[in-house]
C-alpha atoms as a PDB file:
ATOM      1  CA  MET A   1       0.146   0.010   0.009  1.00  0.00           C
ATOM      2  CA  SER A   2       1.582   3.206  -0.955  1.00  0.00           C
ATOM      3  CA  ILE A   3       1.222   6.467   1.295  1.00  0.00           C
ATOM      4  CA  HIS A   4      -0.693   8.308  -1.529  1.00  0.00           C
ATOM      5  CA  SER A   5      -3.889   5.805  -0.646  1.00  0.00           C
ATOM      6  CA  ILE A   6      -3.982   5.850   3.222  1.00  0.00           C
ATOM      7  CA  PRO A   7      -5.844   8.747   4.552  1.00  0.00           C
ATOM      8  CA  VAL A   8      -3.528  11.884   6.413  1.00  0.00           C
ATOM      9  CA  GLY A   9      -5.652  13.996   8.523  1.00  0.00           C
ATOM     10  CA  PRO A  10      -4.340  16.502  10.368  1.00  0.00           C
ATOM     11  CA  ALA A  11      -2.381  14.618  13.090  1.00  0.00           C
ATOM     12  CA  PRO A  12       1.131  15.396  14.122  1.00  0.00           C
ATOM     13  CA  PHE A  13       4.120  15.376  11.970  1.00  0.00           C
ATOM     14  CA  PRO A  14       6.304  12.017  11.971  1.00  0.00           C
ATOM     15  CA  LEU A  15       9.323  14.610  11.155  1.00  0.00           C
ATOM     16  CA  ALA A  16       9.595  17.811  12.416  1.00  0.00           C
ATOM     17  CA  PRO A  17       9.275  20.092   9.814  1.00  0.00           C
ATOM     18  CA  PRO A  18      12.168  23.359   9.158  1.00  0.00           C
ATOM     19  CA  SER A  19      10.743  26.500  10.115  1.00  0.00           C
ATOM     20  CA  TYR A  20      11.811  29.935   9.070  1.00  0.00           C
ATOM     21  CA  LEU A  21      10.847  33.372  10.486  1.00  0.00           C
ATOM     22  CA  CYS A  22       7.991  35.498   8.887  1.00  0.00           C
ATOM     23  CA  GLY A  23       7.409  38.834  10.591  1.00  0.00           C
ATOM     24  CA  GLY A  24       9.662  38.182  13.283  1.00  0.00           C
ATOM     25  CA  VAL A  25       7.494  34.829  14.257  1.00  0.00           C
ATOM     26  CA  ASP A  26       9.013  31.048  14.111  1.00  0.00           C
ATOM     27  CA  LYS A  27       6.759  29.598  11.212  1.00  0.00           C
ATOM     28  CA  VAL A  28       6.387  25.898  10.226  1.00  0.00           C
ATOM     29  CA  ARG A  29       7.641  25.840   6.818  1.00  0.00           C
ATOM     30  CA  LEU A  30       5.718  22.663   4.613  1.00  0.00           C
ATOM     31  CA  VAL A  31       6.356  23.803   0.974  1.00  0.00           C
ATOM     32  CA  SER A  32      10.298  22.922  -0.088  1.00  0.00           C
ATOM     33  CA  LEU A  33      12.356  26.202  -0.017  1.00  0.00           C
ATOM     34  CA  ALA A  34      13.848  24.458  -2.801  1.00  0.00           C
ATOM     35  CA  THR A  35      10.830  24.813  -5.040  1.00  0.00           C
ATOM     36  CA  ALA A  36      11.005  27.461  -7.963  1.00  0.00           C
ATOM     37  CA  LEU A  37       7.776  29.511  -6.208  1.00  0.00           C
ATOM     38  CA  PRO A  38       7.953  32.899  -4.829  1.00  0.00           C
ATOM     39  CA  LEU A  39       7.267  32.914  -0.698  1.00  0.00           C
ATOM     40  CA  ALA A  40       3.924  34.313  -1.407  1.00  0.00           C
ATOM     41  CA  GLU A  41       2.899  31.813  -3.323  1.00  0.00           C
ATOM     42  CA  ARG A  42       3.643  29.030  -1.033  1.00  0.00           C
ATOM     43  CA  ASP A  43       2.414  30.790   1.833  1.00  0.00           C
ATOM     44  CA  ALA A  44      -0.958  30.266   0.039  1.00  0.00           C
ATOM     45  CA  MET A  45      -0.813  26.698  -0.445  1.00  0.00           C
ATOM     46  CA  GLU A  46       0.116  26.171   3.097  1.00  0.00           C
ATOM     47  CA  PRO A  47      -2.887  25.628   4.891  1.00  0.00           C
ATOM     48  CA  LEU A  48      -3.562  22.714   2.095  1.00  0.00           C
ATOM     49  CA  SER A  49      -0.793  20.477   2.967  1.00  0.00           C
ATOM     50  CA  ARG A  50      -0.618  18.174   5.075  1.00  0.00           C
ATOM     51  CA  ARG A  51       3.398  16.576   5.354  1.00  0.00           C
ATOM     52  CA  VAL A  52       3.818  12.479   4.729  1.00  0.00           C
ATOM     53  CA  ALA A  53       7.123  10.543   5.144  1.00  0.00           C
ATOM     54  CA  LEU A  54       8.420   7.474   3.481  1.00  0.00           C
ATOM     55  CA  ASP A  55      10.953   4.820   4.320  1.00  0.00           C
ATOM     56  CA  GLN A  56      13.311   3.999   2.089  1.00  0.00           C
ATOM     57  CA  ARG A  57      11.552   1.696  -0.996  1.00  0.00           C
ATOM     58  CA  GLN A  58       8.261   2.643   0.468  1.00  0.00           C
ATOM     59  CA  SER A  59       5.807   3.523  -2.304  1.00  0.00           C
ATOM     60  CA  LEU A  60       4.633   7.600  -3.064  1.00  0.00           C
ATOM     61  CA  TYR A  61       1.805   6.496  -4.845  1.00  0.00           C
ATOM     62  CA  GLY A  62       1.855   3.485  -7.595  1.00  0.00           C
ATOM     63  CA  GLN A  63       1.129   2.942 -11.385  1.00  0.00           C
ATOM     64  CA  ASP A  64      -2.220   3.373 -12.589  1.00  0.00           C
ATOM     65  CA  GLU A  65      -3.571   4.453  -9.180  1.00  0.00           C
ATOM     66  CA  PRO A  66      -6.273   6.963  -9.168  1.00  0.00           C
ATOM     67  CA  ALA A  67      -4.282  10.641  -8.845  1.00  0.00           C
ATOM     68  CA  VAL A  68      -6.242  12.081  -6.274  1.00  0.00           C
ATOM     69  CA  SER A  69      -3.166  14.089  -4.686  1.00  0.00           C
ATOM     70  CA  VAL A  70      -0.394  16.701  -6.072  1.00  0.00           C
ATOM     71  CA  PHE A  71       2.879  16.330  -3.906  1.00  0.00           C
ATOM     72  CA  ASN A  72       5.978  18.741  -3.117  1.00  0.00           C
ATOM     73  CA  VAL A  73       9.113  16.718  -2.466  1.00  0.00           C
ATOM     74  CA  THR A  74      10.733  18.556   0.350  1.00  0.00           C
ATOM     75  CA  SER A  75      13.781  16.040   1.381  1.00  0.00           C
ATOM     76  CA  GLY A  76      15.187  12.831  -0.170  1.00  0.00           C
ATOM     77  CA  ALA A  77      14.977  11.453  -3.504  1.00  0.00           C
ATOM     78  CA  LEU A  78      12.241   8.959  -5.498  1.00  0.00           C
ATOM     79  CA  SER A  79      12.550   6.521  -8.609  1.00  0.00           C
ATOM     80  CA  LEU A  80      10.155   6.912 -10.695  1.00  0.00           C
ATOM     81  CA  TYR A  81       8.687   4.280 -13.054  1.00  0.00           C
ATOM     82  CA  ARG A  82       6.332   2.086 -15.258  1.00  0.00           C
ATOM     83  CA  LEU A  83       6.476  -1.491 -15.091  1.00  0.00           C
ATOM     84  CA  LEU A  84       5.857  -2.572 -18.886  1.00  0.00           C
ATOM     85  CA  PRO A  85       3.516  -5.312 -19.915  1.00  0.00           C
ATOM     86  CA  ASP A  86       6.013  -7.787 -20.030  1.00  0.00           C
ATOM     87  CA  GLY A  87       7.683  -7.196 -16.976  1.00  0.00           C
ATOM     88  CA  ARG A  88      10.289  -4.820 -17.660  1.00  0.00           C
ATOM     89  CA  ARG A  89      11.234  -1.670 -15.928  1.00  0.00           C
ATOM     90  CA  GLN A  90      11.405   1.794 -17.381  1.00  0.00           C
ATOM     91  CA  VAL A  91      12.933   4.540 -14.505  1.00  0.00           C
ATOM     92  CA  THR A  92      11.247   7.530 -16.352  1.00  0.00           C
ATOM     93  CA  GLY A  93      12.969   9.889 -13.762  1.00  0.00           C
ATOM     94  CA  PHE A  94      13.906  11.095 -10.306  1.00  0.00           C
ATOM     95  CA  ALA A  95      12.270  13.127  -8.139  1.00  0.00           C
ATOM     96  CA  PHE A  96      14.598  16.097  -5.382  1.00  0.00           C
ATOM     97  CA  PRO A  97      13.315  18.844  -3.197  1.00  0.00           C
ATOM     98  CA  GLY A  98      11.227  21.486  -4.932  1.00  0.00           C
ATOM     99  CA  ASP A  99      10.199  19.448  -7.843  1.00  0.00           C
ATOM    100  CA  PHE A 100       5.832  18.496  -7.894  1.00  0.00           C
ATOM    101  CA  LEU A 101       4.750  15.588  -8.461  1.00  0.00           C
ATOM    102  CA  GLY A 102       1.137  14.521  -9.798  1.00  0.00           C
ATOM    103  CA  LEU A 103       0.482  17.973 -11.588  1.00  0.00           C
ATOM    104  CA  SER A 104      -1.251  16.539 -14.812  1.00  0.00           C
ATOM    105  CA  MET A 105      -4.698  16.000 -15.406  1.00  0.00           C
ATOM    106  CA  LEU A 106      -4.280  12.387 -15.737  1.00  0.00           C
ATOM    107  CA  ASP A 107      -7.104  10.630 -13.986  1.00  0.00           C
ATOM    108  CA  ARG A 108      -4.582   8.206 -12.285  1.00  0.00           C
ATOM    109  CA  PHE A 109      -0.886   8.025 -11.709  1.00  0.00           C
ATOM    110  CA  ALA A 110       1.364   7.031 -15.267  1.00  0.00           C
ATOM    111  CA  VAL A 111       3.905   5.742 -12.999  1.00  0.00           C
ATOM    112  CA  SER A 112       4.890   4.818  -9.664  1.00  0.00           C
ATOM    113  CA  ALA A 113       6.967   6.883  -6.960  1.00  0.00           C
ATOM    114  CA  ASP A 114       9.501   4.897  -4.450  1.00  0.00           C
ATOM    115  CA  ALA A 115      11.511   6.396  -2.098  1.00  0.00           C
ATOM    116  CA  LEU A 116      15.297   6.197  -2.558  1.00  0.00           C
ATOM    117  CA  GLY A 117      15.771   6.972   0.862  1.00  0.00           C
ATOM    118  CA  PRO A 118      13.981   8.263   3.552  1.00  0.00           C
ATOM    119  CA  VAL A 119      11.780  11.002   2.045  1.00  0.00           C
ATOM    120  CA  THR A 120       9.356  13.915   3.133  1.00  0.00           C
ATOM    121  CA  ALA A 121       6.708  15.011   1.408  1.00  0.00           C
ATOM    122  CA  CYS A 122       3.365  17.459   1.125  1.00  0.00           C
ATOM    123  CA  ARG A 123       0.233  16.367  -0.024  1.00  0.00           C
ATOM    124  CA  PHE A 124      -1.944  18.109  -1.360  1.00  0.00           C
ATOM    125  CA  GLU A 125      -5.757  17.364  -2.193  1.00  0.00           C
ATOM    126  CA  ARG A 126      -6.180  17.425  -5.962  1.00  0.00           C
ATOM    127  CA  LEU A 127      -9.204  19.133  -5.966  1.00  0.00           C
ATOM    128  CA  ALA A 128      -8.881  21.730  -2.879  1.00  0.00           C
ATOM    129  CA  PHE A 129      -5.515  22.255  -4.798  1.00  0.00           C
ATOM    130  CA  MET A 130      -7.206  23.163  -8.090  1.00  0.00           C
ATOM    131  CA  ASP A 131      -9.697  25.768  -6.344  1.00  0.00           C
ATOM    132  CA  LEU A 132      -6.731  27.254  -5.350  1.00  0.00           C
ATOM    133  CA  LEU A 133      -5.135  27.537  -8.542  1.00  0.00           C
ATOM    134  CA  ARG A 134      -7.984  29.412  -9.985  1.00  0.00           C
ATOM    135  CA  GLY A 135      -7.892  31.632  -7.672  1.00  0.00           C
ATOM    136  CA  GLN A 136      -4.289  32.197  -7.910  1.00  0.00           C
ATOM    137  CA  PRO A 137      -2.821  32.637 -11.925  1.00  0.00           C
ATOM    138  CA  SER A 138       0.275  33.848 -10.602  1.00  0.00           C
ATOM    139  CA  LEU A 139       0.318  30.392  -8.977  1.00  0.00           C
ATOM    140  CA  MET A 140      -0.541  28.514 -11.994  1.00  0.00           C
ATOM    141  CA  MET A 141       1.012  30.472 -14.038  1.00  0.00           C
ATOM    142  CA  HIS A 142       4.586  29.530 -12.852  1.00  0.00           C
ATOM    143  CA  LEU A 143       3.276  25.756 -11.842  1.00  0.00           C
ATOM    144  CA  HIS A 144       2.926  25.711 -15.804  1.00  0.00           C
ATOM    145  CA  GLU A 145       6.664  26.934 -15.996  1.00  0.00           C
ATOM    146  CA  ILE A 146       7.908  23.879 -14.265  1.00  0.00           C
ATOM    147  CA  MET A 147       5.836  21.542 -16.013  1.00  0.00           C
ATOM    148  CA  GLY A 148       7.281  23.261 -19.000  1.00  0.00           C
ATOM    149  CA  HIS A 149      10.931  22.113 -17.766  1.00  0.00           C
ATOM    150  CA  GLU A 150       9.618  18.774 -16.937  1.00  0.00           C
ATOM    151  CA  LEU A 151       8.633  17.851 -20.633  1.00  0.00           C
ATOM    152  CA  SER A 152      11.632  19.235 -21.705  1.00  0.00           C
ATOM    153  CA  ARG A 153      13.439  17.049 -19.650  1.00  0.00           C
ATOM    154  CA  ALA A 154      10.720  13.860 -20.772  1.00  0.00           C
ATOM    155  CA  LYS A 155      12.383  15.156 -24.565  1.00  0.00           C
ATOM    156  CA  ASP A 156      15.606  15.144 -23.590  1.00  0.00           C
ATOM    157  CA  MET A 157      15.463  11.758 -22.257  1.00  0.00           C
ATOM    158  CA  MET A 158      13.805  10.530 -25.559  1.00  0.00           C
ATOM    159  CA  MET A 159      16.759  11.670 -27.424  1.00  0.00           C
ATOM    160  CA  LEU A 160      19.305  10.060 -24.263  1.00  0.00           C
ATOM    161  CA  LEU A 161      17.843   7.354 -25.328  1.00  0.00           C
ATOM    162  CA  GLY A 162      18.512   7.649 -28.795  1.00  0.00           C
ATOM    163  CA  ARG A 163      21.804   6.526 -30.674  1.00  0.00           C
ATOM    164  CA  ARG A 164      24.134   7.123 -28.014  1.00  0.00           C
ATOM    165  CA  THR A 165      27.223   5.132 -26.001  1.00  0.00           C
ATOM    166  CA  ALA A 166      27.164   4.232 -23.100  1.00  0.00           C
ATOM    167  CA  ASP A 167      29.645   7.298 -22.141  1.00  0.00           C
ATOM    168  CA  GLU A 168      27.913   9.278 -23.589  1.00  0.00           C
ATOM    169  CA  ARG A 169      24.532   8.631 -21.828  1.00  0.00           C
ATOM    170  CA  ILE A 170      26.047   8.053 -18.346  1.00  0.00           C
ATOM    171  CA  ALA A 171      28.198  12.018 -18.968  1.00  0.00           C
ATOM    172  CA  THR A 172      24.899  13.312 -19.841  1.00  0.00           C
ATOM    173  CA  PHE A 173      22.703  12.025 -16.845  1.00  0.00           C
ATOM    174  CA  LEU A 174      26.116  13.123 -14.862  1.00  0.00           C
ATOM    175  CA  LEU A 175      25.685  16.755 -15.886  1.00  0.00           C
ATOM    176  CA  GLY A 176      21.691  17.065 -15.511  1.00  0.00           C
ATOM    177  CA  LEU A 177      21.797  15.937 -12.487  1.00  0.00           C
ATOM    178  CA  ARG A 178      24.354  18.244 -11.548  1.00  0.00           C
ATOM    179  CA  GLU A 179      22.273  20.688 -12.971  1.00  0.00           C
ATOM    180  CA  ARG A 180      19.551  20.036 -10.860  1.00  0.00           C
ATOM    181  CA  TYR A 181      21.543  19.742  -7.826  1.00  0.00           C
ATOM    182  CA  VAL A 182      22.687  23.149  -8.703  1.00  0.00           C
ATOM    183  CA  ARG A 183      19.106  24.669  -8.907  1.00  0.00           C
ATOM    184  CA  ILE A 184      18.292  23.313  -5.234  1.00  0.00           C
ATOM    185  CA  GLY A 185      21.553  24.886  -3.831  1.00  0.00           C
ATOM    186  CA  ARG A 186      23.428  21.368  -3.400  1.00  0.00           C
ATOM    187  CA  SER A 187      27.064  20.970  -4.302  1.00  0.00           C
ATOM    188  CA  SER A 188      27.663  20.437  -8.200  1.00  0.00           C
ATOM    189  CA  VAL A 189      31.168  19.155  -8.037  1.00  0.00           C
ATOM    190  CA  THR A 190      30.445  16.077  -6.036  1.00  0.00           C
ATOM    191  CA  LEU A 191      27.028  14.356  -6.449  1.00  0.00           C
ATOM    192  CA  GLU A 192      25.303  12.623  -4.773  1.00  0.00           C
ATOM    193  CA  LEU A 193      23.644   9.316  -6.239  1.00  0.00           C
ATOM    194  CA  PRO A 194      20.370   8.260  -3.812  1.00  0.00           C
ATOM    195  CA  MET A 195      19.398   5.605  -6.487  1.00  0.00           C
ATOM    196  CA  GLY A 196      21.837   2.875  -7.544  1.00  0.00           C
ATOM    197  CA  ARG A 197      23.076   1.466 -10.554  1.00  0.00           C
ATOM    198  CA  LEU A 198      20.233  -0.639 -11.436  1.00  0.00           C
ATOM    199  CA  ASP A 199      18.368   2.019 -11.291  1.00  0.00           C
ATOM    200  CA  ILE A 200      20.713   4.183 -13.206  1.00  0.00           C
ATOM    201  CA  ALA A 201      20.670   1.042 -15.932  1.00  0.00           C
ATOM    202  CA  ASP A 202      16.469   1.341 -16.289  1.00  0.00           C
ATOM    203  CA  HIS A 203      16.765   5.100 -16.733  1.00  0.00           C
ATOM    204  CA  LEU A 204      19.331   5.320 -19.457  1.00  0.00           C
ATOM    205  CA  GLY A 205      18.248   2.287 -21.095  1.00  0.00           C
ATOM    206  CA  LEU A 206      21.372   0.352 -20.216  1.00  0.00           C
ATOM    207  CA  THR A 207      22.548  -3.144 -18.527  1.00  0.00           C
ATOM    208  CA  ILE A 208      23.079  -2.756 -14.693  1.00  0.00           C
ATOM    209  CA  GLU A 209      26.906  -4.690 -15.763  1.00  0.00           C
ATOM    210  CA  THR A 210      27.347  -1.798 -18.566  1.00  0.00           C
ATOM    211  CA  VAL A 211      26.861   1.090 -15.790  1.00  0.00           C
ATOM    212  CA  SER A 212      29.351  -0.382 -13.834  1.00  0.00           C
ATOM    213  CA  ARG A 213      31.833  -1.193 -16.023  1.00  0.00           C
ATOM    214  CA  THR A 214      31.429   2.321 -17.189  1.00  0.00           C
ATOM    215  CA  PHE A 215      31.467   4.639 -14.094  1.00  0.00           C
ATOM    216  CA  ALA A 216      34.870   2.293 -13.844  1.00  0.00           C
ATOM    217  CA  ARG A 217      36.457   3.419 -16.673  1.00  0.00           C
ATOM    218  CA  LEU A 218      34.999   7.073 -16.609  1.00  0.00           C
ATOM    219  CA  ASP A 219      36.440   7.180 -12.970  1.00  0.00           C
ATOM    220  CA  ARG A 220      40.193   4.954 -14.441  1.00  0.00           C
ATOM    221  CA  ASP A 221      39.799   8.082 -17.362  1.00  0.00           C
ATOM    222  CA  HIS A 222      39.977  10.720 -14.820  1.00  0.00           C
ATOM    223  CA  CYS A 223      36.717  12.058 -15.433  1.00  0.00           C
ATOM    224  CA  ILE A 224      35.062  11.052 -12.869  1.00  0.00           C
ATOM    225  CA  LEU A 225      36.399  10.281  -8.960  1.00  0.00           C
ATOM    226  CA  ILE A 226      33.837   7.850  -7.604  1.00  0.00           C
ATOM    227  CA  VAL A 227      33.448   8.574  -3.789  1.00  0.00           C
ATOM    228  CA  PRO A 228      31.204   7.120  -1.088  1.00  0.00           C
ATOM    229  CA  GLY A 229      27.681   7.915  -1.893  1.00  0.00           C
ATOM    230  CA  GLY A 230      28.346   9.316  -5.480  1.00  0.00           C
ATOM    231  CA  VAL A 231      31.263  11.218  -7.850  1.00  0.00           C
ATOM    232  CA  ARG A 232      33.207  14.012  -8.110  1.00  0.00           C
ATOM    233  CA  LEU A 233      33.242  15.287 -11.803  1.00  0.00           C
ATOM    234  CA  VAL A 234      37.123  15.923 -12.498  1.00  0.00           C
ATOM    235  CA  ASP A 235      37.306  16.444 -16.174  1.00  0.00           C
ATOM    236  CA  HIS A 236      34.173  18.633 -16.744  1.00  0.00           C
ATOM    237  CA  ASP A 237      35.494  19.649 -20.504  1.00  0.00           C
ATOM    238  CA  ARG A 238      35.492  15.944 -21.261  1.00  0.00           C
ATOM    239  CA  LEU A 239      31.755  15.133 -19.641  1.00  0.00           C
ATOM    240  CA  ALA A 240      30.447  17.854 -21.840  1.00  0.00           C
ATOM    241  CA  ARG A 241      31.776  17.012 -25.142  1.00  0.00           C
ATOM    242  CA  MET A 242      30.705  13.617 -24.321  1.00  0.00           C
ATOM    243  CA  SER A 243      27.249  14.506 -23.775  1.00  0.00           C
ATOM    244  CA  ALA A 244      27.467  16.642 -26.886  1.00  0.00           C
ATOM    245  CA  HIS A 245      27.762  14.359 -29.150  1.00  0.00           C
END
């Protein structure tokens, strides 16, 4: 059972959320500060939000479940994937703090969202969220911009799975991850990889063996340095040349 399928009421939150100062008063901040929304628009969303917490491998929502919620990731990372009719898994992407999930108008979720480690998120009941958007044109405009970025990422992913070598796919993946980390204020040199090699393989259309060999080769060629929990980008220019092919 996913967190999405469990009713969430105004009970005490599983984890203490971060706080911020508003008019000199310490106030609970639920909506992620990493999101690209202005502070006033986050304030408008706060009363509708309920905080949820997941452990590693726990599902936020499942493929084909009724899409009655919208989520804003506040900490941690999730893998987004589809199970194909033949049983294979296609990882369509990864969600990080600031990302919104469930913004499409589909009646059911097209993918599943599983926690790669401990995750917290804000959950909004979709009908109430849509009512808020109708009364907040600027918020709707900003969310359209966010959805536009998502569509652009999906297009880039289709190009990535075209006629590219394993080295080029891995380089493009790492540089894309770096750009996302920069946007949420994380280190852009040493990249945390909360996803495993199998997740990366299922995302890039490679085998786990190919992913492992490619990481090892890039490390041996001094393009990257494999460190505990991630990689360090050593030769950014060379990676950029590979990703541009």
